[in-house]
């Protein structure tokens, strides 16, 4: 089966790419989402759950900034320059994955006081929830598009000569 670059990235260099590009950021982001539900339900802005939420929010924002900073020059730019996108599914998968990091960076900036400094606590709580929701939507779009076979939209891999090897 053909793979999008998103899936090829996760499948390559096992288990490291899966850990670095999926497991670590998703565990941190899902911890933010789960603790966010508790905070929204109870309105408790203090305590250990809020501290876990805050720590994971800062950590995942910084981590994903690193992921974006790494993948843009090493994957996205070369794939674009070499015209190697495997249909719109591929572009949507990679684009949504990278875009899902932006709300996480927003959470980190919000938590460190570098963004929305003048907002009151209720507004900050609402913004935090919006950023979590945006991350969840974009991450799921990336997952759905990334798992689809690009052949659905007409992708056909280039034929390789006998005896040569493909990286994917």
C-alpha atoms as a PDB file:
ATOM      1  CA  UNK A   1       0.000   0.000   0.000  1.00  0.00           C
ATOM      2  CA  UNK A   2       1.134   3.537  -0.693  1.00  0.00           C
ATOM      3  CA  UNK A   3       1.737   5.854   2.255  1.00  0.00           C
ATOM      4  CA  UNK A   4       1.553   9.563   2.800  1.00  0.00           C
ATOM      5  CA  UNK A   5       4.768  11.191   3.960  1.00  0.00           C
ATOM      6  CA  UNK A   6       3.079  11.562   7.368  1.00  0.00           C
ATOM      7  CA  UNK A   7       2.718   7.787   7.742  1.00  0.00           C
ATOM      8  CA  UNK A   8       6.112   7.117   6.172  1.00  0.00           C
ATOM      9  CA  UNK A   9       7.704   9.401   8.778  1.00  0.00           C
ATOM     10  CA  UNK A  10       6.023   7.540  11.618  1.00  0.00           C
ATOM     11  CA  UNK A  11       6.853   4.127  10.134  1.00  0.00           C
ATOM     12  CA  UNK A  12      10.531   4.895   9.442  1.00  0.00           C
ATOM     13  CA  UNK A  13      13.307   4.453  12.017  1.00  0.00           C
ATOM     14  CA  UNK A  14      11.168   2.378  14.374  1.00  0.00           C
ATOM     15  CA  UNK A  15      10.436   2.987  17.179  1.00  0.00           C
ATOM     16  CA  UNK A  16      12.133   6.383  17.397  1.00  0.00           C
ATOM     17  CA  UNK A  17      10.139   8.418  14.879  1.00  0.00           C
ATOM     18  CA  UNK A  18       6.899   7.090  16.324  1.00  0.00           C
ATOM     19  CA  UNK A  19       8.030   8.071  19.815  1.00  0.00           C
ATOM     20  CA  UNK A  20       9.419  11.505  18.894  1.00  0.00           C
ATOM     21  CA  UNK A  21       6.731  12.625  16.445  1.00  0.00           C
ATOM     22  CA  UNK A  22       3.625  10.950  17.867  1.00  0.00           C
ATOM     23  CA  UNK A  23       3.858   9.359  21.312  1.00  0.00           C
ATOM     24  CA  UNK A  24       5.599  12.125  23.285  1.00  0.00           C
ATOM     25  CA  UNK A  25       3.633  15.092  21.898  1.00  0.00           C
ATOM     26  CA  UNK A  26       0.308  13.246  21.973  1.00  0.00           C
ATOM     27  CA  UNK A  27       0.740  12.055  25.575  1.00  0.00           C
ATOM     28  CA  UNK A  28       1.540  15.611  26.651  1.00  0.00           C
ATOM     29  CA  UNK A  29      -1.291  17.146  24.584  1.00  0.00           C
ATOM     30  CA  UNK A  30      -3.854  14.563  25.692  1.00  0.00           C
ATOM     31  CA  UNK A  31      -2.828  15.147  29.308  1.00  0.00           C
ATOM     32  CA  UNK A  32      -3.544  18.833  28.738  1.00  0.00           C
ATOM     33  CA  UNK A  33      -6.930  17.943  27.201  1.00  0.00           C
ATOM     34  CA  UNK A  34      -7.934  15.577  30.013  1.00  0.00           C
ATOM     35  CA  UNK A  35      -6.886  17.929  32.793  1.00  0.00           C
ATOM     36  CA  UNK A  36      -8.583  20.760  30.902  1.00  0.00           C
ATOM     37  CA  UNK A  37     -11.918  18.954  31.209  1.00  0.00           C
ATOM     38  CA  UNK A  38     -11.475  18.716  34.979  1.00  0.00           C
ATOM     39  CA  UNK A  39     -10.551  22.391  35.244  1.00  0.00           C
ATOM     40  CA  UNK A  40     -13.496  23.478  33.086  1.00  0.00           C
ATOM     41  CA  UNK A  41     -15.907  21.297  35.054  1.00  0.00           C
ATOM     42  CA  UNK A  42     -14.728  22.246  38.539  1.00  0.00           C
ATOM     43  CA  UNK A  43     -13.412  25.781  37.777  1.00  0.00           C
ATOM     44  CA  UNK A  44     -10.538  24.959  40.153  1.00  0.00           C
ATOM     45  CA  UNK A  45      -7.615  27.128  39.097  1.00  0.00           C
ATOM     46  CA  UNK A  46      -5.387  25.783  41.875  1.00  0.00           C
ATOM     47  CA  UNK A  47      -4.104  22.362  42.856  1.00  0.00           C
ATOM     48  CA  UNK A  48      -2.054  19.586  41.382  1.00  0.00           C
ATOM     49  CA  UNK A  49      -4.284  18.965  38.349  1.00  0.00           C
ATOM     50  CA  UNK A  50      -3.887  22.587  37.280  1.00  0.00           C
ATOM     51  CA  UNK A  51      -0.126  22.297  37.809  1.00  0.00           C
ATOM     52  CA  UNK A  52       0.012  19.168  35.611  1.00  0.00           C
ATOM     53  CA  UNK A  53      -2.063  21.006  32.999  1.00  0.00           C
ATOM     54  CA  UNK A  54       0.251  24.012  33.107  1.00  0.00           C
ATOM     55  CA  UNK A  55       3.489  21.982  33.016  1.00  0.00           C
ATOM     56  CA  UNK A  56       2.304  19.744  30.157  1.00  0.00           C
ATOM     57  CA  UNK A  57       1.005  22.783  28.251  1.00  0.00           C
ATOM     58  CA  UNK A  58       4.365  24.533  28.398  1.00  0.00           C
ATOM     59  CA  UNK A  59       6.306  21.327  27.671  1.00  0.00           C
ATOM     60  CA  UNK A  60       4.213  20.313  24.648  1.00  0.00           C
ATOM     61  CA  UNK A  61       4.321  23.810  23.175  1.00  0.00           C
ATOM     62  CA  UNK A  62       8.096  23.966  23.409  1.00  0.00           C
ATOM     63  CA  UNK A  63       8.423  20.375  22.179  1.00  0.00           C
ATOM     64  CA  UNK A  64       6.183  20.933  19.168  1.00  0.00           C
ATOM     65  CA  UNK A  65       8.021  24.143  18.279  1.00  0.00           C
ATOM     66  CA  UNK A  66      11.095  21.918  18.020  1.00  0.00           C
ATOM     67  CA  UNK A  67       9.224  19.372  15.881  1.00  0.00           C
ATOM     68  CA  UNK A  68       8.080  22.094  13.484  1.00  0.00           C
ATOM     69  CA  UNK A  69      11.546  23.626  13.431  1.00  0.00           C
ATOM     70  CA  UNK A  70      13.026  20.242  12.561  1.00  0.00           C
ATOM     71  CA  UNK A  71      10.487  19.000   9.998  1.00  0.00           C
ATOM     72  CA  UNK A  72      10.132  22.173   7.922  1.00  0.00           C
ATOM     73  CA  UNK A  73      13.729  22.269   6.653  1.00  0.00           C
ATOM     74  CA  UNK A  74      14.373  18.516   6.677  1.00  0.00           C
ATOM     75  CA  UNK A  75      11.112  17.249   5.173  1.00  0.00           C
ATOM     76  CA  UNK A  76       8.574  19.846   4.030  1.00  0.00           C
ATOM     77  CA  UNK A  77      10.900  22.119   2.072  1.00  0.00           C
ATOM     78  CA  UNK A  78      12.757  19.284   0.279  1.00  0.00           C
ATOM     79  CA  UNK A  79       9.504  17.457  -0.561  1.00  0.00           C
ATOM     80  CA  UNK A  80       8.078  20.692  -1.952  1.00  0.00           C
ATOM     81  CA  UNK A  81      11.209  21.617  -3.905  1.00  0.00           C
ATOM     82  CA  UNK A  82      11.392  18.111  -5.417  1.00  0.00           C
ATOM     83  CA  UNK A  83       7.655  18.018  -6.249  1.00  0.00           C
ATOM     84  CA  UNK A  84       7.254  14.807  -4.240  1.00  0.00           C
ATOM     85  CA  UNK A  85       3.872  15.404  -2.584  1.00  0.00           C
ATOM     86  CA  UNK A  86       1.651  12.351  -2.925  1.00  0.00           C
ATOM     87  CA  UNK A  87      -1.616  14.139  -3.749  1.00  0.00           C
ATOM     88  CA  UNK A  88      -3.639  16.551  -1.654  1.00  0.00           C
ATOM     89  CA  UNK A  89      -4.052  13.874   1.048  1.00  0.00           C
ATOM     90  CA  UNK A  90      -0.334  14.080   1.684  1.00  0.00           C
ATOM     91  CA  UNK A  91      -0.322  17.878   1.853  1.00  0.00           C
ATOM     92  CA  UNK A  92      -3.355  17.896   4.177  1.00  0.00           C
ATOM     93  CA  UNK A  93      -1.848  15.235   6.458  1.00  0.00           C
ATOM     94  CA  UNK A  94       1.533  16.928   6.841  1.00  0.00           C
ATOM     95  CA  UNK A  95       0.051  20.434   6.904  1.00  0.00           C
ATOM     96  CA  UNK A  96      -2.534  19.579   9.552  1.00  0.00           C
ATOM     97  CA  UNK A  97       0.078  17.773  11.657  1.00  0.00           C
ATOM     98  CA  UNK A  98       2.367  20.806  11.643  1.00  0.00           C
ATOM     99  CA  UNK A  99      -0.552  23.212  12.102  1.00  0.00           C
ATOM    100  CA  UNK A 100      -1.726  21.204  15.133  1.00  0.00           C
ATOM    101  CA  UNK A 101       1.415  22.379  16.883  1.00  0.00           C
ATOM    102  CA  UNK A 102       0.443  26.041  16.595  1.00  0.00           C
ATOM    103  CA  UNK A 103      -2.332  25.924  19.215  1.00  0.00           C
ATOM    104  CA  UNK A 104       0.031  23.961  21.467  1.00  0.00           C
ATOM    105  CA  UNK A 105       2.601  26.713  21.104  1.00  0.00           C
ATOM    106  CA  UNK A 106      -0.233  29.134  21.900  1.00  0.00           C
ATOM    107  CA  UNK A 107      -0.923  27.233  25.128  1.00  0.00           C
ATOM    108  CA  UNK A 108       2.734  27.451  26.126  1.00  0.00           C
ATOM    109  CA  UNK A 109       2.794  31.175  25.406  1.00  0.00           C
ATOM    110  CA  UNK A 110      -0.452  31.653  27.343  1.00  0.00           C
ATOM    111  CA  UNK A 111       0.881  29.665  30.316  1.00  0.00           C
ATOM    112  CA  UNK A 112       4.148  31.601  30.415  1.00  0.00           C
ATOM    113  CA  UNK A 113       2.375  34.957  30.193  1.00  0.00           C
ATOM    114  CA  UNK A 114       3.823  35.836  26.792  1.00  0.00           C
ATOM    115  CA  UNK A 115       0.422  35.818  25.075  1.00  0.00           C
ATOM    116  CA  UNK A 116      -2.877  37.389  26.167  1.00  0.00           C
ATOM    117  CA  UNK A 117      -1.272  39.104  29.164  1.00  0.00           C
ATOM    118  CA  UNK A 118      -4.180  41.475  29.651  1.00  0.00           C
ATOM    119  CA  UNK A 119      -6.878  38.783  29.591  1.00  0.00           C
ATOM    120  CA  UNK A 120      -8.689  38.005  32.825  1.00  0.00           C
ATOM    121  CA  UNK A 121      -8.731  34.451  34.217  1.00  0.00           C
ATOM    122  CA  UNK A 122     -12.098  33.577  32.633  1.00  0.00           C
ATOM    123  CA  UNK A 123     -10.857  34.702  29.206  1.00  0.00           C
ATOM    124  CA  UNK A 124      -7.588  32.796  29.629  1.00  0.00           C
ATOM    125  CA  UNK A 125      -9.554  29.668  30.546  1.00  0.00           C
ATOM    126  CA  UNK A 126     -11.672  30.080  27.409  1.00  0.00           C
ATOM    127  CA  UNK A 127      -8.622  30.668  25.204  1.00  0.00           C
ATOM    128  CA  UNK A 128      -6.898  27.631  26.691  1.00  0.00           C
ATOM    129  CA  UNK A 129      -9.949  25.484  25.870  1.00  0.00           C
ATOM    130  CA  UNK A 130     -10.097  26.892  22.317  1.00  0.00           C
ATOM    131  CA  UNK A 131      -6.425  26.057  21.770  1.00  0.00           C
ATOM    132  CA  UNK A 132      -6.989  22.505  23.034  1.00  0.00           C
ATOM    133  CA  UNK A 133      -9.996  22.095  20.709  1.00  0.00           C
ATOM    134  CA  UNK A 134      -8.030  23.416  17.716  1.00  0.00           C
ATOM    135  CA  UNK A 135      -5.219  20.982  18.441  1.00  0.00           C
ATOM    136  CA  UNK A 136      -7.636  18.048  18.653  1.00  0.00           C
ATOM    137  CA  UNK A 137      -9.363  18.925  15.381  1.00  0.00           C
ATOM    138  CA  UNK A 138      -6.124  19.482  13.453  1.00  0.00           C
ATOM    139  CA  UNK A 139      -4.445  16.374  14.895  1.00  0.00           C
ATOM    140  CA  UNK A 140      -7.393  14.224  13.881  1.00  0.00           C
ATOM    141  CA  UNK A 141      -7.482  15.705  10.377  1.00  0.00           C
ATOM    142  CA  UNK A 142      -3.769  14.872  10.095  1.00  0.00           C
ATOM    143  CA  UNK A 143      -4.400  11.333  11.320  1.00  0.00           C
ATOM    144  CA  UNK A 144      -7.312  10.647   8.988  1.00  0.00           C
ATOM    145  CA  UNK A 145      -5.612  12.109   5.907  1.00  0.00           C
ATOM    146  CA  UNK A 146      -2.297  10.535   6.876  1.00  0.00           C
ATOM    147  CA  UNK A 147      -3.722   7.028   7.138  1.00  0.00           C
ATOM    148  CA  UNK A 148      -5.478   7.217   3.784  1.00  0.00           C
ATOM    149  CA  UNK A 149      -3.869   5.707   0.701  1.00  0.00           C
ATOM    150  CA  UNK A 150      -2.781   8.554  -1.597  1.00  0.00           C
ATOM    151  CA  UNK A 151      -3.768   6.328  -4.531  1.00  0.00           C
ATOM    152  CA  UNK A 152      -7.367   7.270  -3.661  1.00  0.00           C
ATOM    153  CA  UNK A 153      -6.603  10.618  -5.302  1.00  0.00           C
ATOM    154  CA  UNK A 154      -4.532   9.197  -8.137  1.00  0.00           C
ATOM    155  CA  UNK A 155      -1.031   8.802  -6.724  1.00  0.00           C
ATOM    156  CA  UNK A 156       1.100   6.192  -8.462  1.00  0.00           C
ATOM    157  CA  UNK A 157       4.665   5.702  -7.250  1.00  0.00           C
ATOM    158  CA  UNK A 158       7.446   6.040  -9.782  1.00  0.00           C
ATOM    159  CA  UNK A 159       8.722   2.726 -11.065  1.00  0.00           C
ATOM    160  CA  UNK A 160      12.133   1.871  -9.686  1.00  0.00           C
ATOM    161  CA  UNK A 161      14.634  -0.103 -11.726  1.00  0.00           C
ATOM    162  CA  UNK A 162      15.195  -3.731 -10.727  1.00  0.00           C
ATOM    163  CA  UNK A 163      17.666  -4.029  -7.909  1.00  0.00           C
ATOM    164  CA  UNK A 164      17.237  -0.482  -6.605  1.00  0.00           C
ATOM    165  CA  UNK A 165      15.794   0.248  -3.208  1.00  0.00           C
ATOM    166  CA  UNK A 166      13.304   2.819  -2.014  1.00  0.00           C
ATOM    167  CA  UNK A 167      13.614   4.635   1.286  1.00  0.00           C
ATOM    168  CA  UNK A 168       9.916   4.217   2.057  1.00  0.00           C
END
